N, C-alpha and C. Protein backbone atom coordinates (compact mmCIF):
# COMPACT_ATOMS: atom_id res chain seq x y z
N MET A 1 2.42 10.77 -5.14
CA MET A 1 2.44 10.37 -3.88
C MET A 1 3.90 10.86 -3.41
N GLU A 2 3.80 11.33 -1.99
CA GLU A 2 4.95 11.81 -1.31
C GLU A 2 6.01 10.84 -1.10
N THR A 3 7.32 10.95 -1.03
CA THR A 3 8.48 10.14 -0.61
C THR A 3 7.99 9.43 0.55
N ASN A 4 7.44 10.48 1.68
CA ASN A 4 7.51 9.93 3.06
C ASN A 4 6.03 8.85 3.11
N GLU A 5 5.20 8.69 2.28
CA GLU A 5 4.05 7.86 2.20
C GLU A 5 4.64 6.61 1.89
N LEU A 6 5.29 6.53 0.84
CA LEU A 6 5.90 5.12 0.14
C LEU A 6 6.26 4.44 1.45
N SER A 7 7.10 4.58 2.54
CA SER A 7 7.32 3.52 3.55
C SER A 7 6.14 2.94 4.36
N LYS A 8 5.02 3.64 3.97
CA LYS A 8 3.63 3.47 4.96
C LYS A 8 2.71 2.29 3.80
N ILE A 9 2.98 2.32 2.98
CA ILE A 9 1.75 1.72 2.04
C ILE A 9 1.52 0.61 1.98
N LYS A 10 2.39 -0.57 2.81
CA LYS A 10 2.14 -2.06 2.85
C LYS A 10 1.63 -2.02 4.20
N GLU A 11 1.74 -1.14 5.00
CA GLU A 11 0.89 -1.37 6.39
C GLU A 11 -0.60 -1.60 6.26
N ALA A 12 -1.28 -2.68 7.00
CA ALA A 12 -2.56 -2.89 7.01
C ALA A 12 -3.24 -1.83 7.27
N PHE A 13 -4.45 -1.63 6.60
CA PHE A 13 -5.38 -0.21 6.67
C PHE A 13 -5.03 1.00 6.35
N TYR A 14 -3.70 1.31 5.89
CA TYR A 14 -3.36 2.57 5.50
C TYR A 14 -3.46 2.94 4.24
N MET A 15 -4.33 3.88 4.15
CA MET A 15 -4.76 4.64 2.85
C MET A 15 -4.08 6.18 2.91
N VAL A 16 -3.27 6.36 1.58
CA VAL A 16 -2.93 7.56 1.45
C VAL A 16 -3.79 8.44 1.06
N ASP A 17 -4.98 8.20 0.03
CA ASP A 17 -5.95 9.19 -0.27
C ASP A 17 -7.23 8.37 0.88
N LYS A 18 -7.44 9.44 1.60
CA LYS A 18 -8.60 9.16 2.58
C LYS A 18 -10.09 9.34 1.76
N SER A 19 -10.01 9.80 0.87
CA SER A 19 -11.35 9.64 0.22
C SER A 19 -11.77 8.59 -0.46
N ARG A 20 -10.40 7.57 -0.60
CA ARG A 20 -10.91 6.00 -0.88
C ARG A 20 -11.24 5.28 0.05
N SER A 21 -12.41 5.44 0.85
CA SER A 21 -12.65 4.62 1.99
C SER A 21 -13.64 3.51 1.80
N ARG A 22 -14.14 3.23 3.02
CA ARG A 22 -15.14 1.98 2.68
C ARG A 22 -16.12 1.99 1.62
N SER A 23 -16.64 3.47 1.57
CA SER A 23 -17.76 3.93 0.92
C SER A 23 -17.50 3.60 -0.64
N VAL A 24 -16.13 3.42 -1.05
CA VAL A 24 -15.67 2.76 -2.31
C VAL A 24 -14.89 1.66 -2.67
N ASP A 25 -15.49 0.54 -1.59
CA ASP A 25 -15.07 -0.60 -1.20
C ASP A 25 -13.55 -0.57 -1.12
N GLY A 26 -13.15 0.01 -0.19
CA GLY A 26 -11.64 -0.12 0.20
C GLY A 26 -11.43 -0.18 1.41
N SER A 27 -10.55 -0.95 2.03
CA SER A 27 -9.99 -1.40 3.29
C SER A 27 -8.54 -0.75 3.75
N GLY A 28 -7.82 -0.80 2.59
CA GLY A 28 -6.25 -0.61 2.94
C GLY A 28 -5.65 -1.84 3.12
N LEU A 29 -6.02 -3.07 2.71
CA LEU A 29 -5.35 -4.32 2.68
C LEU A 29 -4.94 -4.71 1.90
N GLY A 30 -4.96 -4.46 0.49
CA GLY A 30 -4.57 -4.94 -0.33
C GLY A 30 -3.01 -5.12 -0.66
N LEU A 31 -2.10 -4.11 -0.55
CA LEU A 31 -0.92 -3.93 -0.62
C LEU A 31 -0.22 -5.05 0.53
N ALA A 32 -0.94 -4.84 1.82
CA ALA A 32 -0.50 -5.54 2.87
C ALA A 32 -0.61 -6.97 2.44
N LEU A 33 -1.39 -7.57 2.05
CA LEU A 33 -1.67 -9.19 1.52
C LEU A 33 -0.89 -9.36 0.60
N CYS A 34 -0.32 -8.44 -0.39
CA CYS A 34 0.60 -8.85 -1.16
C CYS A 34 1.85 -8.67 -0.93
N ASP A 35 2.38 -7.94 0.01
CA ASP A 35 3.30 -7.95 0.78
C ASP A 35 3.67 -9.17 1.36
N GLN A 36 2.41 -9.90 1.85
CA GLN A 36 2.94 -11.21 2.84
C GLN A 36 3.09 -12.47 1.81
N ILE A 37 2.21 -12.33 0.90
CA ILE A 37 2.50 -13.56 -0.28
C ILE A 37 3.56 -13.41 -0.94
N VAL A 38 4.52 -12.38 -1.29
CA VAL A 38 5.23 -12.09 -1.96
C VAL A 38 6.55 -12.33 -0.92
N LYS A 39 6.59 -12.30 0.34
CA LYS A 39 7.32 -12.76 1.31
C LYS A 39 7.56 -13.97 1.27
N ILE A 40 6.42 -14.71 1.46
CA ILE A 40 6.27 -16.18 1.33
C ILE A 40 7.30 -17.02 0.35
N HIS A 41 7.20 -16.28 -0.71
CA HIS A 41 7.87 -16.85 -2.00
C HIS A 41 8.86 -16.36 -2.47
N HIS A 42 9.85 -15.85 -0.87
CA HIS A 42 11.28 -15.11 -1.09
C HIS A 42 11.34 -14.07 -2.05
N GLY A 43 10.45 -13.06 -2.26
CA GLY A 43 10.26 -12.06 -3.39
C GLY A 43 10.22 -10.85 -2.62
N THR A 44 10.24 -9.72 -3.46
CA THR A 44 10.32 -8.14 -2.70
C THR A 44 9.50 -7.45 -3.62
N ILE A 45 8.69 -6.33 -3.07
CA ILE A 45 8.14 -5.40 -3.89
C ILE A 45 8.90 -4.04 -3.64
N ARG A 46 8.98 -3.41 -4.88
CA ARG A 46 9.60 -2.05 -4.72
C ARG A 46 8.64 -1.09 -5.15
N PHE A 47 8.55 -0.20 -4.76
CA PHE A 47 7.92 1.08 -5.17
C PHE A 47 8.48 2.18 -5.27
N GLU A 48 8.04 3.02 -6.31
CA GLU A 48 8.80 4.41 -6.74
C GLU A 48 7.48 5.15 -7.11
N SER A 49 7.78 6.69 -6.85
CA SER A 49 6.95 7.55 -7.12
C SER A 49 7.41 8.75 -7.22
N VAL A 50 6.64 9.66 -8.38
CA VAL A 50 7.07 11.10 -8.59
C VAL A 50 5.97 11.97 -8.11
N LEU A 51 6.25 12.88 -7.48
CA LEU A 51 5.05 13.74 -7.00
C LEU A 51 4.48 14.58 -8.11
N GLY A 52 3.20 14.44 -8.30
CA GLY A 52 2.50 15.48 -9.59
C GLY A 52 2.63 14.18 -10.72
């Protein structure tokens, strides 16, 4: 995943890989929900990625 994508992956309905759409039971809500749950518990989520 490219570095500029990392800042967007916790946004609701955002999908880096457009081929993983609703036809594959995806809606782009998973990380947005996880982020909110972690914030409620005063935690943080950090993501790292190396392209390729």
